């Protein structure tokens, strides 16, 4: 069942759960995990209103200092930490999201189903970073372990920005797939 890895001279180890995200279309983590049988959960670490800094204001099409809602969550695959997400929303969207149970549902699902806003696209940038501050503890990493850093802006079908976020993902929890024609 591919749940164990073997390394000659080192032994046998239980594999961490991993998800394969297609980059051909935008999906939430739960949508991507549905076919794999992985259980996806979230724990909210912090939620608050704050004035938008320059980068957040630009990404969300807001004025500098305009109120936004910040949501920090740890995402789990089969109860194992997989990512730490920091998301920013325009205040009117963020306050509505905070009234929902976000422990078992993707933000994508809540935005489309409960808020009635259809998502049209996401601009995504993926890189590698060394975790800072509490990320090492939140993601059960060793000091110096790299993480994937995913920066994305999610837009409604009318191209209005809905969310700007950073996802810091354990490198062993995520894979990305993209079919690219020549």
Protein backbone atom coordinates (compact mmCIF):
# COMPACT_ATOMS: atom_id res chain seq x y z
CA UNK A 1 0.00 0.00 0.00
CA UNK A 2 3.10 2.24 -0.20
CA UNK A 3 2.86 3.24 3.45
CA UNK A 4 6.44 2.22 4.31
CA UNK A 5 9.78 3.30 2.84
CA UNK A 6 12.94 1.21 3.03
CA UNK A 7 16.47 2.59 3.01
CA UNK A 8 19.37 0.16 2.83
CA UNK A 9 21.48 0.37 5.96
CA UNK A 10 18.99 2.69 7.71
CA UNK A 11 15.80 0.66 8.09
CA UNK A 12 12.09 0.85 7.35
CA UNK A 13 10.05 3.99 7.98
CA UNK A 14 6.36 4.87 7.83
CA UNK A 15 5.84 7.42 5.06
CA UNK A 16 4.33 10.78 5.87
CA UNK A 17 1.02 11.38 4.12
CA UNK A 18 1.47 13.43 0.95
CA UNK A 19 -0.87 15.12 -1.48
CA UNK A 20 -0.44 15.68 -5.20
CA UNK A 21 -1.87 19.02 -6.33
CA UNK A 22 -2.59 19.58 -9.99
CA UNK A 23 -1.49 23.03 -11.14
CA UNK A 24 -3.78 22.80 -14.17
CA UNK A 25 -6.71 24.15 -12.13
CA UNK A 26 -7.18 25.73 -8.71
CA UNK A 27 -8.36 23.38 -5.97
CA UNK A 28 -8.48 23.43 -2.21
CA UNK A 29 -6.49 20.89 -0.23
CA UNK A 30 -9.58 18.82 0.61
CA UNK A 31 -10.58 18.67 -3.07
CA UNK A 32 -7.11 17.42 -4.00
CA UNK A 33 -7.11 14.85 -1.18
CA UNK A 34 -10.55 13.41 -1.95
CA UNK A 35 -9.28 10.76 -4.35
CA UNK A 36 -6.41 9.72 -2.06
CA UNK A 37 -8.48 8.93 1.03
CA UNK A 38 -6.47 11.34 3.19
CA UNK A 39 -8.27 13.09 6.04
CA UNK A 40 -7.78 16.88 5.88
CA UNK A 41 -8.29 19.03 8.96
CA UNK A 42 -7.36 22.55 10.01
CA UNK A 43 -6.61 24.24 13.29
CA UNK A 44 -6.95 27.99 13.50
CA UNK A 45 -3.89 29.42 15.21
CA UNK A 46 -4.94 33.07 15.02
CA UNK A 47 -7.55 35.28 13.42
CA UNK A 48 -7.62 39.05 13.66
CA UNK A 49 -8.43 42.31 11.95
CA UNK A 50 -5.50 44.55 11.08
CA UNK A 51 -4.59 47.35 8.69
CA UNK A 52 -3.32 46.12 5.32
CA UNK A 53 0.38 46.51 4.73
CA UNK A 54 1.68 47.49 1.28
CA UNK A 55 1.97 43.99 -0.20
CA UNK A 56 -1.44 42.83 1.12
CA UNK A 57 -3.15 46.05 0.01
CA UNK A 58 -1.69 45.75 -3.50
CA UNK A 59 -2.62 42.06 -3.81
CA UNK A 60 -6.20 42.65 -2.65
CA UNK A 61 -6.70 45.93 -4.54
CA UNK A 62 -7.21 47.88 -1.32
CA UNK A 63 -5.90 51.14 0.07
CA UNK A 64 -2.85 50.99 2.31
CA UNK A 65 -4.05 50.66 5.91
CA UNK A 66 -7.55 49.51 4.98
CA UNK A 67 -8.83 46.83 7.37
CA UNK A 68 -8.31 43.19 6.38
CA UNK A 69 -8.84 39.90 8.19
CA UNK A 70 -5.83 37.66 8.74
CA UNK A 71 -6.37 33.94 9.27
CA UNK A 72 -3.52 31.64 10.32
CA UNK A 73 -4.13 27.89 10.15
CA UNK A 74 -2.24 24.64 10.42
CA UNK A 75 -3.46 22.12 7.84
CA UNK A 76 -3.20 18.43 8.67
CA UNK A 77 -3.16 15.32 6.48
CA UNK A 78 -4.23 12.31 8.55
CA UNK A 79 -3.55 14.33 11.72
CA UNK A 80 0.05 15.06 10.64
CA UNK A 81 0.98 18.75 10.09
CA UNK A 82 1.35 19.44 6.37
CA UNK A 83 1.23 23.24 6.01
CA UNK A 84 0.96 26.54 7.83
CA UNK A 85 -1.27 29.00 5.98
CA UNK A 86 -1.44 32.76 6.48
CA UNK A 87 -4.36 34.24 4.52
CA UNK A 88 -5.59 37.82 4.19
CA UNK A 89 -9.11 38.77 3.11
CA UNK A 90 -10.96 42.01 2.49
CA UNK A 91 -12.74 42.72 5.77
CA UNK A 92 -16.29 42.00 4.50
CA UNK A 93 -15.25 38.54 3.26
CA UNK A 94 -12.96 37.66 6.16
CA UNK A 95 -15.54 38.43 8.85
CA UNK A 96 -18.07 36.17 7.13
CA UNK A 97 -15.50 33.36 6.86
CA UNK A 98 -14.71 33.54 10.57
CA UNK A 99 -18.34 32.67 11.37
CA UNK A 100 -17.94 29.31 9.59
CA UNK A 101 -16.45 26.04 10.83
CA UNK A 102 -13.13 26.03 9.00
CA UNK A 103 -11.71 22.96 10.72
CA UNK A 104 -13.05 20.45 8.16
CA UNK A 105 -13.79 22.61 5.10
CA UNK A 106 -11.64 24.33 2.50
CA UNK A 107 -11.88 28.08 2.18
CA UNK A 108 -12.66 27.46 -1.50
CA UNK A 109 -15.79 25.52 -0.55
CA UNK A 110 -16.93 28.07 2.03
CA UNK A 111 -16.39 31.01 -0.34
CA UNK A 112 -18.28 29.37 -3.19
CA UNK A 113 -21.01 27.54 -1.26
CA UNK A 114 -21.74 29.73 1.75
CA UNK A 115 -20.72 33.16 0.46
CA UNK A 116 -21.99 32.53 -3.08
CA UNK A 117 -18.84 33.89 -4.74
CA UNK A 118 -17.52 31.84 -7.67
CA UNK A 119 -13.74 31.57 -7.82
CA UNK A 120 -12.34 32.30 -11.25
CA UNK A 121 -8.57 31.91 -10.98
CA UNK A 122 -5.51 32.03 -8.76
CA UNK A 123 -2.08 33.50 -9.37
CA UNK A 124 0.44 31.16 -7.75
CA UNK A 125 4.17 31.48 -7.11
CA UNK A 126 6.08 28.52 -5.62
CA UNK A 127 9.54 28.63 -4.08
CA UNK A 128 11.63 27.11 -1.33
CA UNK A 129 12.33 28.76 2.03
CA UNK A 130 13.89 28.00 5.38
CA UNK A 131 11.17 28.34 8.03
CA UNK A 132 11.37 31.18 10.52
CA UNK A 133 9.84 31.76 13.96
CA UNK A 134 7.19 29.23 14.99
CA UNK A 135 6.95 27.45 11.62
CA UNK A 136 9.46 24.81 12.64
CA UNK A 137 7.35 23.91 15.68
CA UNK A 138 3.97 24.18 13.89
CA UNK A 139 5.11 21.85 11.12
CA UNK A 140 7.17 19.46 13.30
CA UNK A 141 10.35 20.23 11.37
CA UNK A 142 13.98 20.01 12.33
CA UNK A 143 15.99 23.23 12.41
CA UNK A 144 17.02 24.12 8.84
CA UNK A 145 14.52 21.80 7.09
CA UNK A 146 13.26 23.54 3.93
CA UNK A 147 9.61 24.24 3.21
CA UNK A 148 7.75 25.00 0.03
CA UNK A 149 6.50 28.58 0.08
CA UNK A 150 3.40 29.10 -1.99
CA UNK A 151 2.26 32.68 -2.49
CA UNK A 152 -1.12 33.06 -4.14
CA UNK A 153 -3.85 35.51 -4.89
CA UNK A 154 -7.29 34.00 -5.39
CA UNK A 155 -9.73 35.93 -7.57
CA UNK A 156 -13.45 35.82 -8.22
CA UNK A 157 -14.73 35.22 -11.74
CA UNK A 158 -14.97 39.00 -12.19
CA UNK A 159 -11.22 39.13 -11.32
CA UNK A 160 -11.86 40.82 -7.97
CA UNK A 161 -9.20 39.66 -5.45
CA UNK A 162 -10.71 37.54 -2.66
CA UNK A 163 -7.68 36.25 -0.78
CA UNK A 164 -3.93 36.77 -0.63
CA UNK A 165 -2.03 34.04 1.17
CA UNK A 166 1.24 32.39 2.01
CA UNK A 167 1.29 28.63 2.43
CA UNK A 168 4.38 27.14 4.05
CA UNK A 169 4.23 23.44 3.23
CA UNK A 170 6.40 20.58 4.41
CA UNK A 171 8.42 19.50 1.40
CA UNK A 172 7.51 15.86 2.08
CA UNK A 173 3.75 16.56 2.23
CA UNK A 174 3.17 18.18 -1.16
CA UNK A 175 3.89 17.36 -4.77
CA UNK A 176 2.70 19.37 -7.74
CA UNK A 177 1.65 18.06 -11.14
CA UNK A 178 1.37 20.02 -14.35
CA UNK A 179 0.88 18.73 -17.88
CA UNK A 180 2.70 21.11 -20.22
CA UNK A 181 2.31 20.72 -23.99
CA UNK A 182 5.25 21.58 -26.18
